[in-house]
Each structure stands twice: as C-alpha cells, then as structure tokens.
C-alpha atoms as a PDB file:
ATOM      1  CA  MET A   1      -5.088  10.339   1.432  1.00  0.00           C
ATOM      2  CA  PRO A   2      -4.927   6.556   0.890  1.00  0.00           C
ATOM      3  CA  GLU A   3      -6.087   5.180  -2.454  1.00  0.00           C
ATOM      4  CA  PRO A   4      -7.534   1.672  -2.954  1.00  0.00           C
ATOM      5  CA  LEU A   5      -5.706  -0.291  -5.649  1.00  0.00           C
ATOM      6  CA  ARG A   6      -7.273  -2.392  -8.408  1.00  0.00           C
ATOM      7  CA  GLY A   7      -6.357  -5.399 -10.521  1.00  0.00           C
ATOM      8  CA  ASN A   8      -3.640  -7.679  -9.110  1.00  0.00           C
ATOM      9  CA  LEU A   9      -3.345  -5.441  -6.046  1.00  0.00           C
ATOM     10  CA  SER A  10      -7.054  -5.359  -5.240  1.00  0.00           C
ATOM     11  CA  GLY A  11      -7.419  -5.242  -1.455  1.00  0.00           C
ATOM     12  CA  TYR A  12      -4.243  -3.190  -1.045  1.00  0.00           C
ATOM     13  CA  TRP A  13      -3.925   0.534  -0.475  1.00  0.00           C
ATOM     14  CA  SER A  14      -1.449   3.138  -1.709  1.00  0.00           C
ATOM     15  CA  ARG A  15      -0.324   6.195   0.231  1.00  0.00           C
ATOM     16  CA  ARG A  16       1.983   8.770  -1.313  1.00  0.00           C
ATOM     17  CA  ILE A  17       5.051   9.669   0.770  1.00  0.00           C
ATOM     18  CA  ASP A  18       6.296  12.401  -1.557  1.00  0.00           C
ATOM     19  CA  GLN A  19       6.044  13.202  -5.277  1.00  0.00           C
ATOM     20  CA  LYS A  20       8.069  10.123  -6.304  1.00  0.00           C
ATOM     21  CA  ASN A  21       7.610   7.548  -3.516  1.00  0.00           C
ATOM     22  CA  ARG A  22       4.640   5.687  -2.087  1.00  0.00           C
ATOM     23  CA  LEU A  23       3.719   2.876   0.304  1.00  0.00           C
ATOM     24  CA  VAL A  24       1.615  -0.061  -0.862  1.00  0.00           C
ATOM     25  CA  TYR A  25       0.065  -1.938   2.047  1.00  0.00           C
ATOM     26  CA  ARG A  26      -2.909  -3.844   3.394  1.00  0.00           C
ATOM     27  CA  VAL A  27      -4.377  -4.344   6.824  1.00  0.00           C
ATOM     28  CA  ALA A  28      -4.849  -8.029   7.660  1.00  0.00           C
ATOM     29  CA  GLY A  29      -6.501  -9.793  10.553  1.00  0.00           C
ATOM     30  CA  GLY A  30      -9.345  -8.577  12.659  1.00  0.00           C
ATOM     31  CA  GLY A  31     -10.386  -7.625  16.133  1.00  0.00           C
ATOM     32  CA  ARG A  32      -7.348  -7.195  18.378  1.00  0.00           C
ATOM     33  CA  SER A  33      -5.001  -8.996  15.952  1.00  0.00           C
ATOM     34  CA  LEU A  34      -4.470  -6.433  13.198  1.00  0.00           C
ATOM     35  CA  CYS A  35      -1.350  -6.635  11.062  1.00  0.00           C
ATOM     36  CA  LEU A  36      -0.024  -4.071   8.579  1.00  0.00           C
ATOM     37  CA  GLU A  37       1.615  -5.802   5.595  1.00  0.00           C
ATOM     38  CA  ILE A  38       3.823  -3.452   3.561  1.00  0.00           C
ATOM     39  CA  VAL A  39       4.501  -4.810   0.069  1.00  0.00           C
ATOM     40  CA  GLN A  40       6.253  -1.812  -1.479  1.00  0.00           C
ATOM     41  CA  CYS A  41       7.855   1.302  -0.040  1.00  0.00           C
ATOM     42  CA  ARG A  42       9.656   2.904  -2.915  1.00  0.00           C
ATOM     43  CA  THR A  43       9.017   4.326  -6.346  1.00  0.00           C
ATOM     44  CA  HIS A  44       5.692   4.670  -8.111  1.00  0.00           C
ATOM     45  CA  TYR A  45       4.931   1.912 -10.657  1.00  0.00           C
ATOM     46  CA  GLY A  46       8.545   0.843 -11.097  1.00  0.00           C
ATOM     47  CA  ASP A  47      10.119   4.273 -11.714  1.00  0.00           C
ATOM     48  CA  ARG A  48      13.834   4.290 -10.953  1.00  0.00           C
END
C-alpha cells in the first residue's frame, strides 16, 4: 500500500518493495501526459 510522505518529501509517495527496500516516487503532469518520477529505489531512510 503506498504511503504519502511528509516534510521535505511532501507530495511524494513511498511503496515498500520488501522489508528493507522501498520506492519513493511522485506522479507529475496531468491528462494524457503523466510522468512517474522515481527519486529513491533503495534502502529505507538511509539504512545501508
């Protein structure tokens, strides 16, 4: 289930891939010109 983010990432969404990894993204544009911008596709909150 996607989760809306807050603070500096307000307007972005987070979706967990597995227990450690997640995608952070936003949907931009409108109508027939939608764009998926992925800003992070790795660890949760900087875990290594």
